[in-house]
Protein backbone atom coordinates (compact mmCIF):
# COMPACT_ATOMS: atom_id res chain seq x y z
CA UNK A 1 -7.31 -13.80 12.33
CA UNK A 2 -10.77 -11.88 11.02
CA UNK A 3 -11.11 -12.57 6.77
CA UNK A 4 -9.74 -9.68 4.57
CA UNK A 5 -14.28 -9.39 3.83
CA UNK A 6 -14.62 -7.74 7.21
CA UNK A 7 -12.46 -4.82 7.03
CA UNK A 8 -13.70 -2.07 5.43
CA UNK A 9 -12.91 1.79 5.40
CA UNK A 10 -15.37 4.63 6.91
CA UNK A 11 -17.50 6.87 5.25
CA UNK A 12 -18.72 9.76 6.20
CA UNK A 13 -22.40 7.98 5.09
CA UNK A 14 -22.10 5.85 8.25
CA UNK A 15 -21.73 8.35 11.10
CA UNK A 16 -18.13 7.76 11.79
CA UNK A 17 -15.53 10.81 10.50
CA UNK A 18 -12.74 9.23 7.57
CA UNK A 19 -10.33 9.94 9.46
CA UNK A 20 -11.67 6.52 11.28
CA UNK A 21 -10.22 3.12 9.79
CA UNK A 22 -12.19 0.08 10.81
CA UNK A 23 -11.08 -3.35 11.47
CA UNK A 24 -14.16 -5.07 12.41
CA UNK A 25 -17.31 -3.86 14.14
CA UNK A 26 -15.78 -3.95 17.91
CA UNK A 27 -12.79 -1.74 16.70
CA UNK A 28 -11.17 1.57 15.27
CA UNK A 29 -8.12 2.37 14.55
CA UNK A 30 -7.18 6.18 15.23
CA UNK A 31 -5.24 7.94 12.43
CA UNK A 32 -3.98 11.29 12.19
CA UNK A 33 -5.32 13.16 9.23
CA UNK A 34 -8.18 12.19 6.61
CA UNK A 35 -7.97 8.68 5.79
CA UNK A 36 -6.81 8.34 0.97
CA UNK A 37 -6.33 4.23 0.97
CA UNK A 38 -4.59 1.19 2.68
CA UNK A 39 -3.29 -2.24 2.40
CA UNK A 40 -3.56 -5.05 4.92
CA UNK A 41 -0.74 -7.12 5.50
CA UNK A 42 -1.90 -10.91 7.48
CA UNK A 43 1.30 -12.11 9.97
CA UNK A 44 2.08 -15.56 10.65
CA UNK A 45 1.03 -14.93 14.33
CA UNK A 46 -2.13 -13.98 13.64
CA UNK A 47 -1.79 -10.54 13.81
CA UNK A 48 -2.72 -7.99 11.28
CA UNK A 49 -0.08 -4.99 10.10
CA UNK A 50 -1.86 -2.27 8.04
CA UNK A 51 -0.25 0.85 5.44
CA UNK A 52 -2.91 3.86 6.41
CA UNK A 53 -2.17 6.11 3.34
CA UNK A 54 -3.22 9.41 4.39
CA UNK A 55 -4.13 12.15 2.39
CA UNK A 56 -1.78 14.55 3.81
CA UNK A 57 0.17 12.53 1.31
CA UNK A 58 2.17 11.16 4.69
CA UNK A 59 1.47 7.41 5.53
CA UNK A 60 1.42 5.51 8.66
CA UNK A 61 1.52 1.56 9.84
CA UNK A 62 -0.61 0.16 12.84
CA UNK A 63 -0.09 -3.73 13.79
CA UNK A 64 -3.09 -4.97 15.68
CA UNK A 65 -3.09 -7.59 17.84
CA UNK A 66 -6.00 -9.77 17.94
CA UNK A 67 -5.54 -12.08 21.22
CA UNK A 68 -7.89 -15.69 21.51
CA UNK A 69 -10.04 -12.99 24.23
CA UNK A 70 -11.14 -10.72 21.61
CA UNK A 71 -10.18 -8.38 22.42
CA UNK A 72 -8.02 -6.23 19.86
CA UNK A 73 -4.71 -3.89 20.32
CA UNK A 74 -3.14 -1.20 18.07
CA UNK A 75 -0.09 0.42 18.36
CA UNK A 76 1.10 2.47 15.42
CA UNK A 77 5.01 1.14 14.39
CA UNK A 78 5.61 3.76 11.31
CA UNK A 79 5.10 6.41 10.61
CA UNK A 80 6.78 8.45 7.00
CA UNK A 81 4.94 12.78 8.19
CA UNK A 82 7.51 14.31 5.92
CA UNK A 83 5.50 14.41 2.24
CA UNK A 84 7.90 12.44 0.32
CA UNK A 85 6.33 13.54 -2.81
CA UNK A 86 5.80 16.52 -4.64
CA UNK A 87 1.73 15.44 -5.98
CA UNK A 88 -0.94 13.08 -4.24
CA UNK A 89 0.55 9.46 -4.07
CA UNK A 90 -1.56 7.27 -5.79
CA UNK A 91 -1.19 3.94 -5.01
CA UNK A 92 1.20 1.96 -2.13
CA UNK A 93 1.98 -1.42 -1.48
CA UNK A 94 4.37 -3.92 1.56
CA UNK A 95 6.87 -5.93 0.03
CA UNK A 96 6.69 -9.48 0.70
CA UNK A 97 7.66 -9.66 3.87
CA UNK A 98 6.30 -6.82 4.81
CA UNK A 99 10.20 -4.88 5.18
CA UNK A 100 9.85 -2.70 1.90
CA UNK A 101 6.92 -0.12 1.86
CA UNK A 102 6.89 1.12 -1.33
CA UNK A 103 4.47 4.48 -2.88
CA UNK A 104 4.37 6.12 -5.90
CA UNK A 105 2.29 9.27 -7.09
CA UNK A 106 2.40 11.40 -10.86
CA UNK A 107 6.65 10.93 -11.91
CA UNK A 108 8.18 8.99 -8.73
CA UNK A 109 8.33 5.90 -7.51
CA UNK A 110 10.02 5.37 -3.58
CA UNK A 111 11.06 2.36 -2.21
CA UNK A 112 11.12 3.02 1.98
CA UNK A 113 12.38 0.52 4.00
CA UNK A 114 9.57 -0.07 6.65
CA UNK A 115 11.62 -0.91 9.80
CA UNK A 116 13.18 2.52 9.51
CA UNK A 117 10.87 4.76 7.75
CA UNK A 118 13.65 5.63 5.19
CA UNK A 119 13.37 6.53 2.39
CA UNK A 120 16.33 4.38 0.00
CA UNK A 121 15.41 4.59 -3.38
CA UNK A 122 13.93 6.67 -5.60
CA UNK A 123 12.73 6.11 -8.93
CA UNK A 124 11.36 9.09 -12.04
CA UNK A 125 7.87 6.82 -13.25
CA UNK A 126 4.61 8.16 -14.71
CA UNK A 127 0.68 8.54 -13.71
CA UNK A 128 0.94 5.64 -11.23
CA UNK A 129 -2.45 3.81 -10.12
CA UNK A 130 -1.68 0.69 -8.60
CA UNK A 131 1.86 -1.00 -7.69
CA UNK A 132 2.82 -4.71 -7.16
CA UNK A 133 5.56 -6.49 -6.04
CA UNK A 134 7.63 -9.40 -8.15
CA UNK A 135 7.91 -12.61 -6.04
CA UNK A 136 11.28 -12.18 -4.26
CA UNK A 137 10.36 -7.99 -4.04
CA UNK A 138 13.46 -7.04 -6.50
CA UNK A 139 11.33 -5.61 -8.69
CA UNK A 140 7.13 -3.88 -8.43
CA UNK A 141 4.56 -2.97 -11.54
CA UNK A 142 3.30 0.73 -12.01
CA UNK A 143 0.74 1.01 -13.34
CA UNK A 144 -0.13 4.16 -14.96
CA UNK A 145 -3.26 6.29 -15.96
CA UNK A 146 -2.22 5.95 -20.34
CA UNK A 147 -2.13 2.40 -19.24
CA UNK A 148 1.57 1.15 -19.70
CA UNK A 149 3.11 -1.73 -17.31
CA UNK A 150 6.32 0.00 -16.21
CA UNK A 151 8.92 -2.71 -14.41
CA UNK A 152 11.36 -1.66 -12.05
CA UNK A 153 14.35 -2.99 -10.18
CA UNK A 154 13.79 -1.66 -6.45
CA UNK A 155 18.11 -2.45 -6.11
CA UNK A 156 19.22 -0.35 -8.56
CA UNK A 157 15.67 2.03 -9.00
CA UNK A 158 15.92 1.21 -12.41
CA UNK A 159 13.10 1.30 -15.49
CA UNK A 160 13.50 -1.54 -17.02
CA UNK A 161 10.46 -2.07 -19.35
CA UNK A 162 7.40 0.12 -20.30
CA UNK A 163 4.67 -1.88 -22.06
CA UNK A 164 1.19 -0.48 -23.38
CA UNK A 165 -1.00 -3.00 -21.17
CA UNK A 166 -4.35 -1.27 -21.72
CA UNK A 167 -6.15 1.41 -23.45
CA UNK A 168 -6.82 2.85 -20.55
CA UNK A 169 -5.80 3.39 -16.46
CA UNK A 170 -4.32 0.32 -14.86
CA UNK A 171 -6.26 0.46 -11.59
CA UNK A 172 -5.34 -2.34 -10.07
CA UNK A 173 -2.74 -5.49 -10.96
CA UNK A 174 -2.75 -8.89 -7.94
CA UNK A 175 0.16 -11.99 -8.15
CA UNK A 176 -2.27 -15.07 -9.54
CA UNK A 177 -2.09 -17.76 -6.95
CA UNK A 178 0.40 -19.54 -8.67
CA UNK A 179 3.26 -16.21 -7.94
CA UNK A 180 3.42 -17.44 -11.85
CA UNK A 181 1.83 -14.74 -13.38
CA UNK A 182 -0.53 -11.40 -12.61
CA UNK A 183 -3.47 -9.52 -14.52
CA UNK A 184 -4.23 -6.22 -14.85
CA UNK A 185 -7.45 -4.66 -15.03
CA UNK A 186 -8.21 -1.30 -15.98
């Protein structure tokens, strides 16, 4: 598989439209609306799953197959076109096994079954700007615009804990390599 460093979003300066998603120099993945954000999931067989968050509050999941002959093929495997959030979606994440998709906005956290596209849980949250599944995929942490971290139980949709972590927005969170901790940035 190609390293993640080769994955880039197309900018208007490149001469292409932002309706395109560029995976490598030889491949362009078409999405149905303007691209806002994306996340990669790398499969054990070398394929790549791409979760594309679109400007119209919908998202699409594409499976990108990388053959050994240098040929790249893609297929849209799921899409949620009915807006599930009342405001702009600010963060999306795949679970570690790609079976669950989390999305969050200003005031709303949603959990979807990635194979059916059905929303399985909705919960109230702060103004979400980042998110992360906790190892085991039964909990998620939301980073908010006000610097709070919110821990959610995904089975019940309940907020378990809120921690004032930063003075400003928590724009990113990442698990440590040993998966026993995480770092956040504002």
